[in-house]
Amino acid sequence: MPASGSGSPARNDITISGGDRNAPGLVHIASIDWDWWWARQQQLTVRLARTRKALFVEQMLSLDAIVRRRRIFRHVSHNVWVLSPYKLLPFESKNGHFYELNRFLFALQVRLACWFLWIRNPVLMYTTYDDHGLPHRLSHRLVIYDCLDRHEHFPWATGEEPALERRLLGLSDVVIASSPELVEKLRGLGVDAALVKNAADTSFFTRTRGPGRIHPAIRNIPKPRIGFMGYVADHLDLDLMAYLAEQRPLWSLVLAGRRGVRDHPLFHRANVFYIGEIPYDELPDLLRGIDVCLVPFIVNPLTDAADTIKLYEYLAAGKPVVSTGISQARQFSRFVSVARSRQQFVDAVQEYLTGGSALPLTELDEILRESDWDVRSLQLEELIRRALALADERTASHAKLS
């Protein structure tokens, strides 16, 4: 599911001790663009790039998108380059020959970028369910599939997602998933998937707990401020938030993030403030001025399998959180108020505002120490190391037999 923030942070201070400086390069075939939101895909890439060169490959778009993207290839962070590939032919979903030609050209663009960066036999990592025909056209050491969602349940799903995902699973040496529900789904398909959950940059967000600057976008908004930080789209229960705003007209409901829904009565209420996208580096200043944070997801198969990043970020900031009854919130019910109805949702926010509940921060911080992107990246590094060692053993065994 989409996560919070907008664009890539200017911060380049992430360090991970240890690691193999001669590790094979990484080619990450992503499901989002680098500047779309700062989430799992970028967080893991910048950390894996501490020990290797990394090529982050954005979604393949038609040529007219060059106006929006401007650059096809760019250096964005230490050891990280971004490739913005393009389709030559439109209507590929209706023409199999167009599809294959576009995938051939996609592989050619990736190979040229790898040649330029001197990346040879990389680890191929997918956070999209379509392999794009790349494993057959690019020499590589491993294929990793990082399953983040039930793709077949997205509103724009075409019905082809399960078949494409199964094909990628058949090519993968390592499969990981971001939630227990996704691990269970993959194991039902006969795939031994490892759980690598989402996380937060905890040291970055815990600075919110102390005094400091309130973001200017909300400084003049009346208190109390009830906030949602993330992608404002149809996975959110907009009716629930409209009910909250209607029932408590003296509360200010602040929505921060890219908006993916055209219109709703929610946005016309006098006490609802949509402030748009906020750069990732400024999120602590935003959260510092929010009194209660919300996870107002509609409960369905898509959201119930999500391990939303914003929940970790809210908790790292020390903020009280009210959520609908998605699985992740139930798992964190020691620290999150889980509402089963609209009125429970309003009442839970009210209780936090009146000081009726307090977060057990000492206990929470013990959990957050393991819910950090550094820890998650080290988990993935270990899985890669084991898979490479196993591949080397198989190569040596085949060499002896021949």
Protein backbone atom coordinates (compact mmCIF):
# COMPACT_ATOMS: atom_id res chain seq x y z
CA MET A 1 0.00 0.00 0.00
CA PRO A 2 1.16 3.53 -0.56
CA ALA A 3 3.13 5.11 2.21
CA SER A 4 3.67 8.55 3.58
CA GLY A 5 5.69 11.43 2.36
CA SER A 6 6.55 12.92 -0.96
CA GLY A 7 9.74 12.70 -2.97
CA SER A 8 13.13 11.45 -1.90
CA PRO A 9 14.82 12.84 1.20
CA ALA A 10 17.93 14.93 0.88
CA ARG A 11 19.39 12.97 3.78
CA ASN A 12 22.33 10.77 2.87
CA ASP A 13 23.44 9.84 6.37
CA ILE A 14 22.29 6.22 6.42
CA THR A 15 25.11 3.84 7.31
CA ILE A 16 25.20 0.11 7.82
CA SER A 17 28.25 -1.52 9.31
CA GLY A 18 29.77 -4.63 7.83
CA GLY A 19 28.75 -6.10 4.50
CA ASP A 20 30.63 -7.28 1.44
CA ARG A 21 31.97 -4.37 -0.56
CA ASN A 22 32.35 -6.73 -3.53
CA ALA A 23 28.70 -7.80 -3.41
CA PRO A 24 27.00 -8.10 -6.81
CA GLY A 25 25.15 -5.04 -8.02
CA LEU A 26 21.41 -4.61 -7.54
CA VAL A 27 18.84 -3.99 -10.27
CA HIS A 28 15.55 -3.12 -8.58
CA ILE A 29 12.50 -3.33 -10.86
CA ALA A 30 10.14 -1.12 -8.87
CA SER A 31 6.39 -0.63 -8.87
CA ILE A 32 6.66 3.12 -8.15
CA ASP A 33 8.80 5.99 -9.36
CA TRP A 34 11.70 7.16 -7.23
CA ASP A 35 10.03 10.50 -6.46
CA TRP A 36 6.49 9.15 -5.97
CA TRP A 37 6.70 8.62 -2.19
CA TRP A 38 9.54 7.67 0.15
CA ALA A 39 8.66 4.13 1.12
CA ARG A 40 9.94 0.56 1.40
CA GLN A 41 11.31 0.39 -2.13
CA GLN A 42 13.57 3.43 -1.75
CA GLN A 43 14.40 2.75 1.90
CA LEU A 44 15.73 -0.74 1.15
CA THR A 45 17.48 0.32 -2.06
CA VAL A 46 19.55 3.08 -0.41
CA ARG A 47 20.60 0.70 2.35
CA LEU A 48 21.50 -2.17 0.05
CA ALA A 49 23.50 0.36 -1.98
CA ARG A 50 25.87 0.88 0.93
CA THR A 51 27.64 -2.30 -0.17
CA ARG A 52 26.97 -2.31 -3.93
CA LYS A 53 25.91 -0.25 -6.90
CA ALA A 54 22.14 -0.12 -7.34
CA LEU A 55 20.00 0.66 -10.35
CA PHE A 56 16.41 1.59 -9.46
CA VAL A 57 14.18 1.00 -12.50
CA GLU A 58 10.95 2.97 -12.49
CA GLN A 59 7.68 1.96 -14.11
CA MET A 60 7.76 1.73 -17.89
CA LEU A 61 5.69 4.56 -19.38
CA SER A 62 4.78 5.74 -22.85
CA LEU A 63 7.04 8.22 -24.63
CA ASP A 64 4.77 11.20 -23.94
CA ALA A 65 5.64 10.83 -20.23
CA ILE A 66 9.12 12.18 -20.99
CA VAL A 67 7.60 15.65 -20.48
CA ARG A 68 6.87 14.72 -16.87
CA ARG A 69 10.03 12.76 -16.14
CA ARG A 70 12.44 14.88 -18.20
CA ARG A 71 15.45 12.63 -17.59
CA ILE A 72 15.84 8.98 -18.53
CA PHE A 73 18.87 8.25 -16.35
CA ARG A 74 20.13 10.04 -13.23
CA HIS A 75 22.27 9.65 -10.12
CA VAL A 76 20.12 10.22 -7.00
CA SER A 77 22.05 9.00 -3.99
CA HIS A 78 25.25 7.29 -2.92
CA ASN A 79 25.68 4.30 -5.27
CA VAL A 80 22.08 4.67 -6.53
CA TRP A 81 21.03 5.52 -10.10
CA VAL A 82 17.50 5.73 -11.46
CA LEU A 83 16.44 4.54 -14.91
CA SER A 84 13.12 5.83 -16.32
CA PRO A 85 12.33 3.40 -19.17
CA TYR A 86 9.85 4.09 -21.96
CA LYS A 87 7.55 2.06 -24.17
CA LEU A 88 7.89 2.53 -27.90
CA LEU A 89 4.48 1.15 -28.83
CA PRO A 90 1.05 1.90 -27.27
CA PHE A 91 -1.86 -0.52 -26.77
CA GLU A 92 0.42 -3.36 -25.66
CA SER A 93 -2.37 -4.85 -23.53
CA LYS A 94 -4.32 -5.52 -26.73
CA ASN A 95 -1.46 -6.71 -28.89
CA GLY A 96 0.92 -9.48 -27.80
CA HIS A 97 3.55 -8.50 -30.40
CA PHE A 98 3.60 -4.93 -29.10
CA TYR A 99 3.97 -6.28 -25.55
CA GLU A 100 6.96 -8.43 -26.49
CA LEU A 101 8.66 -5.64 -28.44
CA ASN A 102 8.23 -3.21 -25.57
CA ARG A 103 9.74 -5.77 -23.17
CA PHE A 104 12.67 -6.31 -25.54
CA LEU A 105 13.30 -2.57 -25.56
CA PHE A 106 12.87 -2.45 -21.76
CA ALA A 107 15.61 -5.07 -21.36
CA LEU A 108 17.82 -3.18 -23.78
CA GLN A 109 17.49 0.02 -21.71
CA VAL A 110 18.32 -1.87 -18.49
CA ARG A 111 21.30 -3.60 -20.09
CA LEU A 112 22.68 -0.30 -21.39
CA ALA A 113 22.35 1.26 -17.93
CA CYS A 114 24.11 -1.73 -16.33
CA TRP A 115 26.87 -1.53 -18.94
CA PHE A 116 27.37 2.18 -18.20
CA LEU A 117 27.50 1.53 -14.43
CA TRP A 118 29.70 -1.55 -14.86
CA ILE A 119 27.13 -3.72 -13.08
CA ARG A 120 27.68 -7.33 -14.12
CA ASN A 121 25.52 -10.34 -13.13
CA PRO A 122 23.43 -8.36 -10.63
CA VAL A 123 20.82 -9.41 -8.14
CA LEU A 124 17.45 -8.77 -9.79
CA MET A 125 14.91 -7.56 -7.24
CA TYR A 126 11.24 -7.10 -8.11
CA THR A 127 8.64 -5.14 -6.20
CA THR A 128 6.28 -5.43 -9.14
CA TYR A 129 4.57 -8.71 -10.05
CA ASP A 130 5.57 -8.59 -13.78
CA ASP A 131 9.07 -9.88 -14.61
CA HIS A 132 8.98 -7.89 -17.91
CA GLY A 133 10.87 -10.75 -19.58
CA LEU A 134 14.09 -9.41 -18.06
CA PRO A 135 15.49 -12.56 -16.38
CA HIS A 136 15.77 -14.20 -19.82
CA ARG A 137 17.55 -11.19 -21.33
CA LEU A 138 19.92 -10.06 -18.58
CA SER A 139 22.61 -12.22 -17.02
CA HIS A 140 22.09 -12.24 -13.24
CA ARG A 141 23.04 -14.03 -10.02
CA LEU A 142 19.67 -14.12 -8.27
CA VAL A 143 16.03 -13.13 -8.67
CA ILE A 144 14.23 -11.75 -5.61
CA TYR A 145 10.50 -11.08 -5.48
CA ASP A 146 9.31 -8.70 -2.76
CA CYS A 147 5.53 -9.11 -2.48
CA LEU A 148 3.94 -5.96 -1.05
CA ASP A 149 0.23 -6.27 -1.87
CA ARG A 150 -2.60 -8.41 -3.11
CA HIS A 151 -2.20 -6.88 -6.57
CA GLU A 152 -5.33 -8.54 -7.93
CA HIS A 153 -7.46 -6.45 -5.54
CA PHE A 154 -6.34 -3.02 -6.72
CA PRO A 155 -9.14 -1.01 -8.38
CA TRP A 156 -7.18 -0.94 -11.64
CA ALA A 157 -6.47 -4.69 -11.69
CA THR A 158 -7.01 -6.35 -15.07
CA GLY A 159 -7.26 -9.98 -13.93
CA GLU A 160 -3.84 -10.86 -15.36
CA GLU A 161 -2.01 -10.18 -12.09
CA PRO A 162 -2.16 -13.72 -10.57
CA ALA A 163 -0.75 -15.37 -13.70
CA LEU A 164 2.04 -12.82 -14.04
CA GLU A 165 2.89 -13.16 -10.35
CA ARG A 166 3.01 -16.97 -10.59
CA ARG A 167 5.43 -16.69 -13.52
CA LEU A 168 7.71 -14.41 -11.50
CA LEU A 169 7.49 -16.73 -8.50
CA GLY A 170 8.68 -19.58 -10.70
CA LEU A 171 11.78 -17.56 -11.64
CA SER A 172 12.60 -16.34 -8.13
CA ASP A 173 15.41 -17.64 -5.92
CA VAL A 174 14.27 -15.61 -2.89
CA VAL A 175 10.70 -14.56 -2.09
CA ILE A 176 9.86 -12.16 0.71
CA ALA A 177 6.60 -10.52 1.75
CA SER A 178 5.73 -7.53 3.93
CA SER A 179 2.91 -9.04 6.02
CA PRO A 180 1.94 -12.40 7.55
CA GLU A 181 -1.19 -12.44 5.35
CA LEU A 182 0.93 -12.20 2.19
CA VAL A 183 3.31 -14.89 3.45
CA GLU A 184 0.30 -17.16 4.03
CA LYS A 185 -1.01 -16.42 0.52
CA LEU A 186 2.35 -17.26 -1.07
CA ARG A 187 2.76 -20.43 0.96
CA GLY A 188 -0.67 -21.44 -0.29
CA LEU A 189 0.87 -21.28 -3.76
CA GLY A 190 3.67 -23.59 -2.65
CA VAL A 191 6.25 -20.82 -2.19
CA ASP A 192 8.45 -20.68 0.90
CA ALA A 193 8.27 -16.92 1.47
CA ALA A 194 10.14 -15.12 4.24
CA LEU A 195 8.50 -12.37 6.27
CA VAL A 196 10.32 -9.02 6.02
CA LYS A 197 7.90 -6.48 7.44
CA ASN A 198 7.79 -2.76 6.81
CA ALA A 199 9.35 -0.32 9.24
CA ALA A 200 10.21 3.31 9.92
CA ASP A 201 13.39 5.31 10.05
CA THR A 202 12.90 5.37 13.80
CA SER A 203 15.73 7.74 14.77
CA PHE A 204 14.42 10.22 12.18
CA PHE A 205 10.84 10.16 13.48
CA THR A 206 11.56 9.96 17.21
CA ARG A 207 12.92 13.52 17.01
CA THR A 208 9.25 14.53 16.73
CA ARG A 209 8.76 13.72 20.40
CA GLY A 210 10.79 16.73 21.54
CA PRO A 211 9.99 20.43 21.22
CA GLY A 212 10.66 22.04 17.89
CA ARG A 213 9.30 23.63 14.77
CA ILE A 214 5.67 23.16 13.73
CA HIS A 215 5.33 22.86 9.99
CA PRO A 216 4.11 26.16 8.47
CA ALA A 217 1.44 24.33 6.47
CA ILE A 218 -0.48 23.62 9.70
CA ARG A 219 0.78 26.29 12.09
CA ASN A 220 -2.31 28.44 11.67
CA ILE A 221 -4.82 25.58 11.61
CA PRO A 222 -6.86 25.56 14.85
CA LYS A 223 -6.20 22.86 17.43
CA PRO A 224 -6.90 20.09 18.13
CA ARG A 225 -5.47 18.75 14.88
CA ILE A 226 -6.38 15.20 13.83
CA GLY A 227 -4.12 14.04 11.01
CA PHE A 228 -3.70 11.55 8.20
CA MET A 229 -0.37 11.39 6.38
CA GLY A 230 -0.26 9.34 3.18
CA TYR A 231 -1.86 8.71 -0.18
CA VAL A 232 -5.38 10.15 -0.20
CA ALA A 233 -7.04 7.57 -2.43
CA ASP A 234 -9.92 5.12 -2.57
CA HIS A 235 -8.39 2.72 -0.02
CA LEU A 236 -9.33 5.31 2.61
CA ASP A 237 -12.76 5.41 4.22
CA LEU A 238 -13.61 8.96 3.17
CA ASP A 239 -17.14 8.58 4.53
CA LEU A 240 -15.71 7.74 7.95
CA MET A 241 -13.50 10.83 7.94
CA ALA A 242 -16.44 12.99 6.81
CA TYR A 243 -18.46 11.58 9.72
CA LEU A 244 -15.62 12.43 12.12
CA ALA A 245 -15.46 16.01 10.80
CA GLU A 246 -19.24 16.36 10.98
CA GLN A 247 -19.54 15.03 14.53
CA ARG A 248 -16.71 17.21 15.87
CA PRO A 249 -16.82 20.54 13.96
CA LEU A 250 -14.36 22.14 16.41
CA TRP A 251 -11.67 19.59 15.53
CA SER A 252 -9.40 20.26 12.55
CA LEU A 253 -8.92 17.26 10.25
CA VAL A 254 -5.59 17.59 8.40
CA LEU A 255 -4.89 15.47 5.29
CA ALA A 256 -1.32 15.43 3.93
CA GLY A 257 -0.21 13.57 0.81
CA ARG A 258 -0.89 13.14 -2.86
CA ARG A 259 -4.57 13.06 -3.70
CA GLY A 260 -5.85 10.28 -5.93
CA VAL A 261 -9.59 10.89 -5.62
CA ARG A 262 -11.35 13.65 -7.56
CA ASP A 263 -13.97 14.84 -5.14
CA HIS A 264 -15.90 13.93 -2.00
CA PRO A 265 -18.05 15.90 0.48
CA LEU A 266 -15.18 15.46 2.96
CA PHE A 267 -13.07 18.04 1.13
CA HIS A 268 -15.81 20.68 1.33
CA ARG A 269 -16.15 20.74 5.10
CA ALA A 270 -14.91 23.91 6.85
CA ASN A 271 -12.87 21.94 9.40
CA VAL A 272 -11.08 19.73 6.86
CA PHE A 273 -7.69 20.96 5.61
CA TYR A 274 -6.07 19.20 2.67
CA ILE A 275 -2.48 20.52 2.58
CA GLY A 276 -1.11 18.43 -0.29
CA GLU A 277 2.26 16.69 -0.43
CA ILE A 278 4.87 17.39 2.23
CA PRO A 279 8.55 16.53 1.56
CA TYR A 280 9.78 13.55 3.55
CA ASP A 281 12.39 15.61 5.41
CA GLU A 282 9.61 17.84 6.78
CA LEU A 283 7.35 15.08 8.11
CA PRO A 284 8.63 15.30 11.73
CA ASP A 285 7.69 19.00 11.76
CA LEU A 286 4.25 18.07 10.44
CA LEU A 287 3.71 15.30 12.97
CA ARG A 288 4.87 17.49 15.83
CA GLY A 289 1.80 19.65 15.27
CA ILE A 290 -0.70 16.76 15.05
CA ASP A 291 -2.50 15.67 18.23
CA VAL A 292 -3.94 12.32 17.05
CA CYS A 293 -3.00 10.36 13.92
CA LEU A 294 -5.38 8.24 11.85
CA VAL A 295 -5.23 5.04 9.83
CA PRO A 296 -8.73 5.27 8.30
CA PHE A 297 -8.50 2.38 5.83
CA ILE A 298 -11.52 0.62 4.39
CA VAL A 299 -11.25 -2.98 5.61
CA ASN A 300 -11.01 -5.30 2.58
CA PRO A 301 -8.63 -8.02 1.32
CA LEU A 302 -6.20 -5.40 -0.03
CA THR A 303 -5.87 -3.30 3.13
CA ASP A 304 -6.10 -6.29 5.48
CA ALA A 305 -2.93 -7.71 3.91
CA ALA A 306 -1.08 -4.38 4.09
CA ASP A 307 1.70 -3.56 6.52
CA THR A 308 1.33 0.19 6.30
CA ILE A 309 4.48 2.21 6.86
CA LYS A 310 2.65 5.20 8.28
CA LEU A 311 1.67 3.22 11.38
CA TYR A 312 5.35 2.62 12.24
CA GLU A 313 6.14 6.27 11.56
CA TYR A 314 3.27 7.54 13.72
CA LEU A 315 4.35 5.31 16.60
CA ALA A 316 8.03 6.23 16.26
CA ALA A 317 6.91 9.86 16.54
CA GLY A 318 5.17 8.94 19.80
CA LYS A 319 1.74 9.89 18.48
CA PRO A 320 -1.56 8.33 19.60
CA VAL A 321 -3.13 6.42 16.71
CA VAL A 322 -6.73 5.50 15.92
CA SER A 323 -7.27 2.92 13.21
CA THR A 324 -10.02 0.94 11.58
CA GLY A 325 -9.89 -2.81 12.15
CA ILE A 326 -7.22 -3.81 9.63
CA SER A 327 -5.02 -6.77 10.59
CA GLN A 328 -1.89 -4.72 11.23
CA ALA A 329 -3.69 -2.42 13.66
CA ARG A 330 -5.06 -5.43 15.54
CA GLN A 331 -1.50 -6.76 15.88
CA PHE A 332 -0.49 -3.42 17.44
CA SER A 333 -3.62 -3.06 19.59
CA ARG A 334 -1.43 -2.62 22.69
CA PHE A 335 -0.40 0.75 21.21
CA VAL A 336 -3.21 1.60 18.77
CA SER A 337 -6.92 2.20 19.36
CA VAL A 338 -8.80 -0.08 16.95
CA ALA A 339 -12.33 1.11 16.17
CA ARG A 340 -15.04 -1.27 14.94
CA SER A 341 -17.61 1.41 14.11
CA ARG A 342 -17.81 5.08 13.17
CA GLN A 343 -18.81 6.11 16.66
CA GLN A 344 -16.00 4.08 18.23
CA PHE A 345 -13.62 5.89 15.91
CA VAL A 346 -14.81 9.30 17.11
CA ASP A 347 -14.82 8.17 20.76
CA ALA A 348 -11.26 6.83 20.52
CA VAL A 349 -9.97 10.16 19.19
CA GLN A 350 -11.89 11.95 21.94
CA GLU A 351 -10.31 9.77 24.62
CA TYR A 352 -6.80 10.57 23.42
CA LEU A 353 -7.56 14.29 23.29
CA THR A 354 -8.86 14.30 26.86
CA GLY A 355 -5.80 12.44 28.11
CA GLY A 356 -7.64 9.23 28.88
CA SER A 357 -4.99 7.04 27.23
CA ALA A 358 -1.21 7.24 27.21
CA LEU A 359 1.27 5.34 25.06
CA PRO A 360 3.57 2.94 26.96
CA LEU A 361 6.65 4.43 25.27
CA THR A 362 9.24 2.22 26.98
CA GLU A 363 7.52 -0.96 25.79
CA LEU A 364 6.84 0.59 22.38
CA ASP A 365 10.48 1.56 21.87
CA GLU A 366 11.56 -2.03 22.48
CA ILE A 367 9.40 -3.07 19.52
CA LEU A 368 10.45 -0.11 17.38
CA ARG A 369 14.10 -1.07 17.72
CA GLU A 370 13.27 -4.11 15.58
CA SER A 371 10.90 -2.13 13.35
CA ASP A 372 13.61 -0.07 11.72
CA TRP A 373 14.69 0.00 8.08
CA ASP A 374 18.29 -0.78 9.06
CA VAL A 375 17.13 -4.02 10.68
CA ARG A 376 14.93 -4.91 7.71
CA SER A 377 17.74 -4.32 5.22
CA LEU A 378 20.08 -6.53 7.24
CA GLN A 379 17.42 -9.27 7.16
CA LEU A 380 17.34 -8.98 3.38
CA GLU A 381 21.13 -8.88 3.13
CA GLU A 382 21.31 -12.16 5.06
CA LEU A 383 18.76 -13.79 2.75
CA ILE A 384 20.77 -12.62 -0.26
CA ARG A 385 24.01 -13.89 1.24
CA ARG A 386 22.55 -17.34 1.88
CA ALA A 387 21.01 -17.55 -1.59
CA LEU A 388 24.29 -16.53 -3.25
CA ALA A 389 26.20 -19.13 -1.23
CA LEU A 390 23.69 -21.80 -2.26
CA ALA A 391 23.96 -20.75 -5.91
CA ASP A 392 27.76 -20.92 -5.73
CA GLU A 393 27.54 -24.42 -4.24
CA ARG A 394 25.27 -25.54 -7.08
CA THR A 395 27.63 -24.04 -9.67
CA ALA A 396 30.63 -25.80 -8.10
CA SER A 397 28.73 -29.11 -7.97
CA HIS A 398 27.75 -28.85 -11.65
CA ALA A 399 31.35 -28.04 -12.56
CA LYS A 400 32.57 -31.20 -10.80
CA LEU A 401 29.95 -33.34 -12.56
CA SER A 402 30.91 -31.97 -15.95
